[in-house]
């Protein structure tokens, strides 16, 4: 095996080997020392993220017989996903202990899922995309149900598994149709075939469009885009809060990594055909997510519908079909990830007592009783709305700007209007924390240094990316350009 093949997927290898090692180490650890696996997984993710950052500047090259690609685009996503996993591990320590799910396999499963997510950014062959999706999904099904015998957790896992298997069927059938139409599953080869000029195309257009549509359905499930979003609220609410935080951020980043590879770098020559469809899905996703969130009384369900809405915002950048659109999507994924992790850091603190209560009423008076938690959640809500100087504002500015430049002004208008609608339920939580008295004397929230560190890093990133977006955007743009070459 050439050394370049190993370098191309080095962050993935670090995570995968780390996951296997954790399983073996966990066998020798007594029950009271299961936190050791958490710290080892955090260290593994730190090393993988550092490796990804160091590799971002390498010249793009293909590996494993052109099944994967090493470029700045893929390594940026590796670093982002590793950072998300690292922060999720810090948040999980106290929460998992309180919920009785301090199990060593939790962190090994997280590493295996992260490995699949990293592969989705590297995959330049539809078969590798499918393998990465399954490697991402199967550990997540188990993580959703890891709070056994809690009924909500087991129900969450079953719903996610059934809907995920159904979506995988759409994805693999779409890949089969594309292969039947064009005779290849390689995205660069597919792009070359679609770009070839001639009186008669070298592919079956009807079969190819059907395959592309089914692939869009399969990947739309992963990013929770409407109308493929129905699983999201129940799964997010029933899963342990730390798993929900991980799913809402890392899974979305990985899903959009694949969407961009497939549609903007593989099906790019067919942009006039798929652009209106993706734009309509983006508009529907923004409307459904924000309108449904208005009626929610549980913060986890509200953030689940919020996650749907933000998938719509990111799809607006995909619909733009340009280099600026791809860069704006990646920037927004980073901004959304750290914003959502800040919110979930507070939620894990609220759930670290004997009982977990994630209703709006449970947050009454939090801003006065625990100002740090209240301010952290408020910053996250302001960023999700898109209020300057947060990263959420800059991300939406880039996304809507790319949409307008691509002639999709109507889509940008819908994005702005739905952002206004979203301010109601985001500010409702802020008002509850700072303007309402607690309904009853609640159980004190014990301080926890790793969770506080995760919250501080996330909040700091929200402001840094909002005030100084140029370095991150420059890194992302260079990565996108390396993927196009």
Protein backbone atom coordinates (compact mmCIF):
# COMPACT_ATOMS: atom_id res chain seq x y z
CA UNK A 1 0.00 0.00 0.00
CA UNK A 2 1.51 3.39 -0.99
CA UNK A 3 2.33 5.71 1.90
CA UNK A 4 0.22 8.42 0.25
CA UNK A 5 -2.86 6.25 0.71
CA UNK A 6 -2.34 6.23 4.47
CA UNK A 7 -1.58 9.96 4.58
CA UNK A 8 -4.79 10.71 2.66
CA UNK A 9 -6.93 9.26 5.45
CA UNK A 10 -4.58 9.81 8.40
CA UNK A 11 -7.15 11.55 10.66
CA UNK A 12 -9.62 8.74 9.95
CA UNK A 13 -6.98 6.11 10.76
CA UNK A 14 -6.13 7.80 14.05
CA UNK A 15 -9.79 7.84 15.08
CA UNK A 16 -10.49 4.28 13.91
CA UNK A 17 -7.43 2.78 15.60
CA UNK A 18 -8.24 4.80 18.71
CA UNK A 19 -11.76 3.37 18.79
CA UNK A 20 -10.48 -0.20 18.54
CA UNK A 21 -7.90 0.46 21.26
CA UNK A 22 -10.57 1.94 23.54
CA UNK A 23 -12.66 -1.22 23.28
CA UNK A 24 -9.68 -3.30 24.39
CA UNK A 25 -8.67 -0.90 27.16
CA UNK A 26 -12.22 -0.74 28.47
CA UNK A 27 -12.20 -4.49 29.09
CA UNK A 28 -9.49 -4.05 31.70
CA UNK A 29 -11.00 -1.04 33.48
CA UNK A 30 -13.18 -1.39 36.59
CA UNK A 31 -16.58 0.30 36.57
CA UNK A 32 -15.42 3.26 38.65
CA UNK A 33 -12.67 4.14 36.15
CA UNK A 34 -14.71 4.30 32.96
CA UNK A 35 -13.92 8.02 32.68
CA UNK A 36 -10.43 6.99 31.54
CA UNK A 37 -11.90 6.01 28.18
CA UNK A 38 -13.44 9.48 27.87
CA UNK A 39 -10.10 11.19 28.34
CA UNK A 40 -8.38 8.79 25.94
CA UNK A 41 -11.04 9.48 23.29
CA UNK A 42 -10.61 13.24 23.80
CA UNK A 43 -6.86 12.84 23.33
CA UNK A 44 -7.39 10.75 20.20
CA UNK A 45 -9.66 13.39 18.71
CA UNK A 46 -7.17 16.11 19.58
CA UNK A 47 -4.39 14.28 17.74
CA UNK A 48 -6.66 13.61 14.75
CA UNK A 49 -7.73 17.25 14.57
CA UNK A 50 -4.12 18.44 14.76
CA UNK A 51 -3.14 16.01 11.98
CA UNK A 52 -5.96 17.34 9.81
CA UNK A 53 -4.86 20.95 10.32
CA UNK A 54 -1.25 20.09 9.46
CA UNK A 55 -2.35 18.31 6.28
CA UNK A 56 -4.58 21.12 4.99
CA UNK A 57 -1.79 22.65 2.94
CA UNK A 58 -0.82 19.51 1.00
CA UNK A 59 -1.35 19.41 -2.75
CA UNK A 60 -4.58 17.54 -3.59
CA UNK A 61 -4.19 13.88 -4.59
CA UNK A 62 -6.33 10.77 -4.97
CA UNK A 63 -5.80 7.57 -2.99
CA UNK A 64 -7.13 4.01 -2.73
CA UNK A 65 -7.63 3.75 -6.49
CA UNK A 66 -9.34 7.16 -6.66
CA UNK A 67 -11.98 6.19 -4.11
CA UNK A 68 -10.97 8.98 -1.71
CA UNK A 69 -9.37 12.37 -2.17
CA UNK A 70 -6.99 14.25 0.06
CA UNK A 71 -7.47 18.02 -0.24
CA UNK A 72 -8.00 21.07 1.91
CA UNK A 73 -11.78 20.62 1.74
CA UNK A 74 -11.65 17.14 3.30
CA UNK A 75 -9.03 17.99 5.92
CA UNK A 76 -10.95 21.08 7.04
CA UNK A 77 -14.01 18.91 7.62
CA UNK A 78 -11.83 16.36 9.45
CA UNK A 79 -10.63 19.11 11.81
CA UNK A 80 -14.15 20.48 12.33
CA UNK A 81 -15.64 17.06 13.10
CA UNK A 82 -12.75 16.20 15.44
CA UNK A 83 -13.31 19.49 17.29
CA UNK A 84 -17.03 18.75 17.62
CA UNK A 85 -16.30 15.28 18.95
CA UNK A 86 -13.74 16.64 21.42
CA UNK A 87 -16.22 19.13 22.87
CA UNK A 88 -18.99 16.51 22.96
CA UNK A 89 -16.73 14.21 25.01
CA UNK A 90 -16.05 17.00 27.53
CA UNK A 91 -19.78 17.59 27.89
CA UNK A 92 -20.56 13.89 28.25
CA UNK A 93 -18.44 13.15 31.33
CA UNK A 94 -20.68 14.50 34.12
CA UNK A 95 -23.93 14.01 32.22
CA UNK A 96 -23.29 10.33 31.48
CA UNK A 97 -22.34 9.70 35.09
CA UNK A 98 -25.55 11.32 36.33
CA UNK A 99 -27.69 9.39 33.87
CA UNK A 100 -26.03 6.05 34.68
CA UNK A 101 -24.57 5.60 31.19
CA UNK A 102 -20.87 5.88 32.04
CA UNK A 103 -20.03 3.01 29.71
CA UNK A 104 -16.74 2.66 27.93
CA UNK A 105 -18.32 1.66 24.64
CA UNK A 106 -19.99 5.10 24.48
CA UNK A 107 -16.73 6.78 23.52
CA UNK A 108 -15.56 3.98 21.23
CA UNK A 109 -18.84 4.14 19.32
CA UNK A 110 -18.47 7.92 19.05
CA UNK A 111 -15.00 7.49 17.54
CA UNK A 112 -16.24 4.93 15.01
CA UNK A 113 -19.08 7.26 13.98
CA UNK A 114 -16.63 10.16 13.65
CA UNK A 115 -14.52 7.95 11.39
CA UNK A 116 -17.47 7.54 9.05
CA UNK A 117 -18.10 11.28 9.11
CA UNK A 118 -14.51 11.97 8.13
CA UNK A 119 -14.71 9.53 5.23
CA UNK A 120 -17.76 11.37 3.88
CA UNK A 121 -15.61 14.44 3.29
CA UNK A 122 -12.92 12.42 1.51
CA UNK A 123 -15.19 10.23 -0.63
CA UNK A 124 -15.09 10.91 -4.38
CA UNK A 125 -16.82 7.69 -5.34
CA UNK A 126 -20.49 7.02 -4.69
CA UNK A 127 -19.70 3.57 -3.29
CA UNK A 128 -17.37 5.13 -0.74
CA UNK A 129 -20.10 7.65 0.13
CA UNK A 130 -22.43 4.74 0.93
CA UNK A 131 -19.79 2.96 3.04
CA UNK A 132 -19.12 6.19 4.95
CA UNK A 133 -22.83 6.76 5.57
CA UNK A 134 -23.22 3.29 7.05
CA UNK A 135 -20.08 3.64 9.20
CA UNK A 136 -21.45 6.94 10.47
CA UNK A 137 -24.97 5.65 11.11
CA UNK A 138 -24.64 2.23 12.76
CA UNK A 139 -22.72 3.44 15.85
CA UNK A 140 -25.17 6.35 16.15
CA UNK A 141 -28.14 3.98 16.26
CA UNK A 142 -26.53 2.32 19.27
CA UNK A 143 -25.61 5.62 20.92
CA UNK A 144 -29.21 6.81 20.74
CA UNK A 145 -30.30 3.74 22.71
CA UNK A 146 -27.36 3.60 25.11
CA UNK A 147 -29.44 4.95 28.00
CA UNK A 148 -31.18 1.59 28.31
CA UNK A 149 -33.50 0.63 29.91
CA UNK A 150 -34.94 4.12 29.55
CA UNK A 151 -37.88 3.71 27.18
CA UNK A 152 -37.45 7.07 25.40
CA UNK A 153 -33.84 6.24 24.53
CA UNK A 154 -34.68 2.80 23.18
CA UNK A 155 -37.56 4.24 21.16
CA UNK A 156 -35.23 6.91 19.77
CA UNK A 157 -32.75 4.26 18.64
CA UNK A 158 -35.43 2.14 16.99
CA UNK A 159 -36.95 5.08 15.11
CA UNK A 160 -33.56 6.25 13.92
CA UNK A 161 -32.56 2.75 12.84
CA UNK A 162 -35.76 2.09 10.88
CA UNK A 163 -35.76 5.46 9.14
CA UNK A 164 -32.02 5.31 8.55
CA UNK A 165 -32.25 1.87 6.94
CA UNK A 166 -35.07 3.14 4.75
CA UNK A 167 -32.99 6.17 3.67
CA UNK A 168 -29.97 3.94 2.98
CA UNK A 169 -32.15 1.97 0.58
CA UNK A 170 -32.90 5.14 -1.36
CA UNK A 171 -29.22 6.05 -1.42
CA UNK A 172 -27.93 2.69 -2.67
CA UNK A 173 -30.71 2.41 -5.26
CA UNK A 174 -29.84 5.89 -6.52
CA UNK A 175 -26.19 4.91 -6.81
CA UNK A 176 -27.18 1.82 -8.79
CA UNK A 177 -29.26 3.92 -11.21
CA UNK A 178 -26.42 6.41 -11.70
CA UNK A 179 -24.06 3.54 -12.47
CA UNK A 180 -26.57 2.08 -14.91
CA UNK A 181 -26.95 5.45 -16.63
CA UNK A 182 -23.32 6.57 -16.82
CA UNK A 183 -21.30 3.38 -16.28
CA UNK A 184 -19.31 4.82 -13.36
CA UNK A 185 -19.64 5.66 -9.69
CA UNK A 186 -16.59 7.95 -9.66
CA UNK A 187 -17.60 11.57 -9.13
CA UNK A 188 -14.74 13.08 -11.24
CA UNK A 189 -15.48 10.63 -14.07
CA UNK A 190 -19.18 11.39 -13.79
CA UNK A 191 -18.51 15.12 -14.00
CA UNK A 192 -16.34 14.59 -17.10
CA UNK A 193 -19.08 12.52 -18.79
CA UNK A 194 -21.72 15.13 -18.02
CA UNK A 195 -19.46 17.92 -19.30
CA UNK A 196 -18.65 16.22 -22.61
CA UNK A 197 -20.07 18.02 -25.60
CA UNK A 198 -21.79 16.07 -28.34
CA UNK A 199 -25.05 15.64 -30.15
CA UNK A 200 -25.86 12.52 -28.17
CA UNK A 201 -25.06 12.32 -24.45
CA UNK A 202 -22.95 9.39 -23.26
CA UNK A 203 -25.50 8.59 -20.55
CA UNK A 204 -29.21 7.90 -20.09
CA UNK A 205 -30.63 11.25 -18.89
CA UNK A 206 -33.86 9.88 -17.39
CA UNK A 207 -32.08 7.13 -15.48
CA UNK A 208 -29.39 9.53 -14.30
CA UNK A 209 -31.89 12.10 -13.04
CA UNK A 210 -33.82 9.40 -11.20
CA UNK A 211 -30.62 8.21 -9.56
CA UNK A 212 -29.61 11.73 -8.58
CA UNK A 213 -33.05 12.31 -7.05
CA UNK A 214 -32.81 9.16 -4.93
CA UNK A 215 -29.30 10.10 -3.77
CA UNK A 216 -30.67 13.49 -2.76
CA UNK A 217 -33.37 11.75 -0.71
CA UNK A 218 -30.83 9.55 1.06
CA UNK A 219 -28.49 12.43 1.89
CA UNK A 220 -31.45 14.70 2.70
CA UNK A 221 -32.32 12.31 5.51
CA UNK A 222 -28.85 12.68 7.02
CA UNK A 223 -29.00 16.48 7.07
CA UNK A 224 -32.65 16.46 8.27
CA UNK A 225 -33.99 18.39 5.28
CA UNK A 226 -37.75 18.58 4.74
CA UNK A 227 -39.68 16.50 3.81
CA UNK A 228 -37.18 13.87 5.05
CA UNK A 229 -37.05 15.33 8.56
CA UNK A 230 -39.85 13.52 10.40
CA UNK A 231 -37.49 11.37 12.47
CA UNK A 232 -35.56 14.31 13.89
CA UNK A 233 -37.71 15.67 16.78
CA UNK A 234 -38.48 12.28 18.35
CA UNK A 235 -34.92 10.97 17.98
CA UNK A 236 -33.34 14.17 19.33
CA UNK A 237 -35.71 14.30 22.30
CA UNK A 238 -35.37 10.62 23.25
CA UNK A 239 -31.61 10.27 22.84
CA UNK A 240 -29.27 11.27 25.69
CA UNK A 241 -28.58 15.00 25.50
CA UNK A 242 -24.88 14.49 24.81
CA UNK A 243 -25.71 12.21 21.87
CA UNK A 244 -28.21 14.77 20.60
CA UNK A 245 -25.54 17.48 20.73
CA UNK A 246 -23.17 15.27 18.76
CA UNK A 247 -25.81 14.30 16.18
CA UNK A 248 -27.10 17.83 15.66
CA UNK A 249 -23.65 19.16 14.79
CA UNK A 250 -21.25 16.48 13.54
CA UNK A 251 -23.82 14.49 11.55
CA UNK A 252 -25.01 17.63 9.80
CA UNK A 253 -21.45 18.63 8.91
CA UNK A 254 -20.75 15.17 7.49
CA UNK A 255 -24.03 15.08 5.58
CA UNK A 256 -23.35 18.39 3.89
CA UNK A 257 -19.78 17.30 3.15
CA UNK A 258 -21.26 14.50 1.04
CA UNK A 259 -23.96 16.72 -0.49
CA UNK A 260 -21.34 19.21 -1.68
CA UNK A 261 -19.06 16.49 -3.06
CA UNK A 262 -21.87 14.77 -4.95
CA UNK A 263 -23.85 17.69 -6.31
CA UNK A 264 -21.41 20.58 -6.57
CA UNK A 265 -18.36 18.57 -7.67
CA UNK A 266 -19.98 15.50 -9.31
CA UNK A 267 -23.29 16.70 -10.74
CA UNK A 268 -22.08 20.28 -11.25
CA UNK A 269 -22.64 20.17 -15.06
CA UNK A 270 -26.35 19.47 -14.36
CA UNK A 271 -26.69 22.56 -12.15
CA UNK A 272 -29.60 24.04 -14.18
CA UNK A 273 -31.56 20.82 -13.63
CA UNK A 274 -31.01 20.24 -9.89
CA UNK A 275 -30.69 23.84 -8.70
CA UNK A 276 -34.47 24.60 -8.67
CA UNK A 277 -35.18 21.35 -6.80
CA UNK A 278 -32.58 21.98 -4.12
CA UNK A 279 -33.76 25.58 -3.79
CA UNK A 280 -37.35 24.44 -3.24
CA UNK A 281 -36.24 21.88 -0.65
CA UNK A 282 -34.21 24.61 1.09
CA UNK A 283 -37.22 26.92 1.21
CA UNK A 284 -39.51 24.15 2.49
CA UNK A 285 -36.96 23.14 5.12
CA UNK A 286 -36.58 26.68 6.43
CA UNK A 287 -40.33 27.19 6.64
CA UNK A 288 -41.20 23.81 8.19
CA UNK A 289 -38.39 23.91 10.76
CA UNK A 290 -39.10 27.42 12.01
CA UNK A 291 -42.89 27.22 11.99
CA UNK A 292 -42.96 23.86 13.79
CA UNK A 293 -40.51 25.14 16.43
CA UNK A 294 -43.00 27.85 17.41
CA UNK A 295 -45.30 25.33 19.10
CA UNK A 296 -42.66 23.46 21.11
CA UNK A 297 -42.55 23.46 24.93
CA UNK A 298 -39.47 21.25 25.24
CA UNK A 299 -36.09 22.86 24.57
CA UNK A 300 -34.64 19.71 22.98
CA UNK A 301 -37.56 19.46 20.53
CA UNK A 302 -37.28 23.17 19.81
CA UNK A 303 -33.60 22.76 18.95
CA UNK A 304 -34.46 19.69 16.87
CA UNK A 305 -36.78 21.76 14.68
CA UNK A 306 -34.17 24.52 14.75
CA UNK A 307 -31.68 21.98 13.37
CA UNK A 308 -34.08 21.30 10.51
CA UNK A 309 -34.39 25.01 9.76
CA UNK A 310 -30.63 25.51 9.73
CA UNK A 311 -30.28 22.64 7.27
CA UNK A 312 -32.48 24.76 5.02
CA UNK A 313 -30.18 27.75 5.37
CA UNK A 314 -27.17 25.60 4.44
CA UNK A 315 -29.05 24.16 1.46
CA UNK A 316 -29.48 27.71 0.18
CA UNK A 317 -25.69 27.80 -0.24
CA UNK A 318 -25.76 24.42 -1.99
CA UNK A 319 -28.46 25.68 -4.34
CA UNK A 320 -26.23 28.61 -5.29
CA UNK A 321 -24.02 26.04 -7.04
CA UNK A 322 -20.92 28.23 -6.91
CA UNK A 323 -17.55 28.28 -5.21
CA UNK A 324 -18.81 31.06 -2.94
CA UNK A 325 -21.86 28.97 -2.15
CA UNK A 326 -19.76 25.96 -1.13
CA UNK A 327 -17.48 28.12 1.03
CA UNK A 328 -20.48 29.77 2.70
CA UNK A 329 -21.93 26.34 3.54
CA UNK A 330 -18.71 25.20 5.22
CA UNK A 331 -18.42 28.46 7.16
CA UNK A 332 -22.01 28.16 8.29
CA UNK A 333 -21.51 24.55 9.38
CA UNK A 334 -18.63 25.67 11.62
CA UNK A 335 -20.63 28.58 13.01
CA UNK A 336 -23.71 26.44 13.60
CA UNK A 337 -21.68 23.66 15.22
CA UNK A 338 -20.07 25.84 17.89
CA UNK A 339 -23.30 27.75 18.47
CA UNK A 340 -25.30 24.58 19.01
CA UNK A 341 -22.60 23.03 21.18
CA UNK A 342 -22.75 26.11 23.42
CA UNK A 343 -26.50 25.61 23.82
CA UNK A 344 -26.16 21.90 24.52
CA UNK A 345 -23.39 22.50 27.07
CA UNK A 346 -25.98 24.38 29.12
CA UNK A 347 -28.55 21.65 28.51
CA UNK A 348 -26.19 18.94 29.76
CA UNK A 349 -25.65 21.03 32.90
CA UNK A 350 -29.42 21.20 33.38
CA UNK A 351 -29.61 17.43 32.97
CA UNK A 352 -26.76 16.56 35.33
CA UNK A 353 -28.98 16.26 38.40
CA UNK A 354 -31.10 13.34 39.57
CA UNK A 355 -33.84 14.06 37.03
CA UNK A 356 -33.61 15.67 33.61
CA UNK A 357 -36.15 18.34 32.76
CA UNK A 358 -35.72 20.13 29.44
CA UNK A 359 -39.01 22.06 29.35
CA UNK A 360 -38.95 25.84 29.02
CA UNK A 361 -40.22 26.15 32.61
CA UNK A 362 -37.11 24.35 33.89
CA UNK A 363 -35.00 27.27 32.59
CA UNK A 364 -37.00 29.93 34.43
CA UNK A 365 -34.67 32.25 36.35
CA UNK A 366 -31.52 30.46 35.18
CA UNK A 367 -29.94 33.76 34.09
CA UNK A 368 -30.08 35.04 37.67
CA UNK A 369 -29.37 31.85 39.60
CA UNK A 370 -26.51 30.73 37.31
CA UNK A 371 -25.49 33.79 35.23
CA UNK A 372 -22.71 31.97 33.34
CA UNK A 373 -25.10 29.30 32.08
CA UNK A 374 -27.77 31.85 31.23
CA UNK A 375 -25.35 34.08 29.31
CA UNK A 376 -23.93 31.09 27.43
CA UNK A 377 -27.38 29.98 26.33
CA UNK A 378 -28.37 33.55 25.42
CA UNK A 379 -25.28 33.93 23.21
CA UNK A 380 -26.19 30.68 21.46
CA UNK A 381 -29.77 31.84 20.88
CA UNK A 382 -28.61 35.20 19.47
CA UNK A 383 -26.24 33.41 17.10
CA UNK A 384 -28.96 31.01 15.94
CA UNK A 385 -31.17 34.00 15.15
CA UNK A 386 -28.31 35.68 13.30
CA UNK A 387 -27.73 38.77 15.46
CA UNK A 388 -24.35 40.50 15.05
CA UNK A 389 -21.58 40.22 16.10
CA UNK A 390 -22.07 36.46 16.36
CA UNK A 391 -20.89 33.81 13.90
CA UNK A 392 -24.50 33.01 13.03
CA UNK A 393 -24.98 36.48 11.54
CA UNK A 394 -21.83 36.25 9.42
CA UNK A 395 -22.74 32.74 8.27
CA UNK A 396 -26.20 33.78 7.13
CA UNK A 397 -24.77 36.86 5.44
CA UNK A 398 -22.45 34.70 3.34
CA UNK A 399 -25.17 32.14 2.57
CA UNK A 400 -27.79 34.65 1.50
CA UNK A 401 -25.18 36.64 -0.42
CA UNK A 402 -24.22 33.53 -2.41
CA UNK A 403 -27.91 32.81 -3.10
CA UNK A 404 -28.52 36.36 -4.37
CA UNK A 405 -25.41 36.21 -6.58
CA UNK A 406 -26.77 32.99 -8.12
CA UNK A 407 -30.10 34.64 -8.96
CA UNK A 408 -31.98 33.07 -6.05
CA UNK A 409 -33.05 36.32 -4.43
CA UNK A 410 -36.45 34.86 -3.53
CA UNK A 411 -34.72 32.11 -1.53
CA UNK A 412 -32.64 34.65 0.37
CA UNK A 413 -35.82 36.61 1.17
CA UNK A 414 -37.44 33.46 2.57
CA UNK A 415 -34.31 32.86 4.63
CA UNK A 416 -34.46 36.36 6.12
CA UNK A 417 -38.18 36.12 6.85
CA UNK A 418 -37.90 32.72 8.52
CA UNK A 419 -35.01 34.04 10.60
CA UNK A 420 -37.36 36.74 11.85
CA UNK A 421 -39.92 34.05 12.72
CA UNK A 422 -37.26 32.07 14.58
CA UNK A 423 -36.51 35.02 16.84
CA UNK A 424 -39.78 34.32 18.68
CA UNK A 425 -38.87 30.91 20.07
CA UNK A 426 -35.19 31.70 20.58
CA UNK A 427 -35.94 34.93 22.46
CA UNK A 428 -38.70 33.15 24.37
CA UNK A 429 -36.04 31.01 26.00
CA UNK A 430 -33.88 34.06 26.75
CA UNK A 431 -36.86 35.82 28.30
CA UNK A 432 -37.66 32.73 30.39
CA UNK A 433 -34.11 32.61 31.75
CA UNK A 434 -33.78 36.31 32.62
CA UNK A 435 -37.32 37.66 33.13
CA UNK A 436 -39.14 34.89 35.00
CA UNK A 437 -38.93 33.66 38.54
CA UNK A 438 -38.17 29.97 39.10
CA UNK A 439 -41.34 27.96 39.65
CA UNK A 440 -39.76 25.96 42.47
CA UNK A 441 -36.46 25.61 44.26
CA UNK A 442 -34.60 23.31 41.88
CA UNK A 443 -31.74 20.96 42.52
CA UNK A 444 -28.39 22.83 42.48
CA UNK A 445 -26.31 22.35 39.33
CA UNK A 446 -22.87 21.06 40.31
CA UNK A 447 -19.94 22.78 38.59
CA UNK A 448 -17.89 20.68 36.22
CA UNK A 449 -14.61 21.94 34.75
CA UNK A 450 -14.58 19.92 31.48
CA UNK A 451 -18.15 20.94 30.65
CA UNK A 452 -17.39 24.56 31.50
CA UNK A 453 -14.33 24.40 29.25
CA UNK A 454 -16.44 23.05 26.38
CA UNK A 455 -18.98 25.83 26.88
CA UNK A 456 -16.26 28.51 27.06
CA UNK A 457 -14.56 27.27 23.88
CA UNK A 458 -17.88 27.18 22.02
CA UNK A 459 -18.96 30.67 23.11
CA UNK A 460 -15.51 32.08 22.32
CA UNK A 461 -15.65 30.53 18.83
CA UNK A 462 -19.07 32.11 18.24
CA UNK A 463 -17.61 35.57 18.87
CA UNK A 464 -14.26 34.98 17.17
CA UNK A 465 -15.88 33.77 13.95
CA UNK A 466 -18.37 36.63 14.16
CA UNK A 467 -15.81 39.38 14.71
CA UNK A 468 -12.89 37.94 12.69
CA UNK A 469 -14.36 35.70 9.98
CA UNK A 470 -11.64 36.33 7.39
CA UNK A 471 -9.04 33.74 8.56
CA UNK A 472 -11.59 30.92 8.73
CA UNK A 473 -13.23 31.92 5.45
CA UNK A 474 -9.83 32.11 3.75
CA UNK A 475 -8.97 28.62 4.95
CA UNK A 476 -12.33 27.30 3.74
CA UNK A 477 -12.09 29.02 0.35
CA UNK A 478 -8.63 27.53 -0.23
CA UNK A 479 -10.05 24.11 0.65
CA UNK A 480 -12.96 24.47 -1.75
CA UNK A 481 -10.63 25.56 -4.54
CA UNK A 482 -8.41 22.53 -3.94
CA UNK A 483 -11.46 20.28 -4.22
CA UNK A 484 -12.50 21.83 -7.54
CA UNK A 485 -9.03 21.42 -9.12
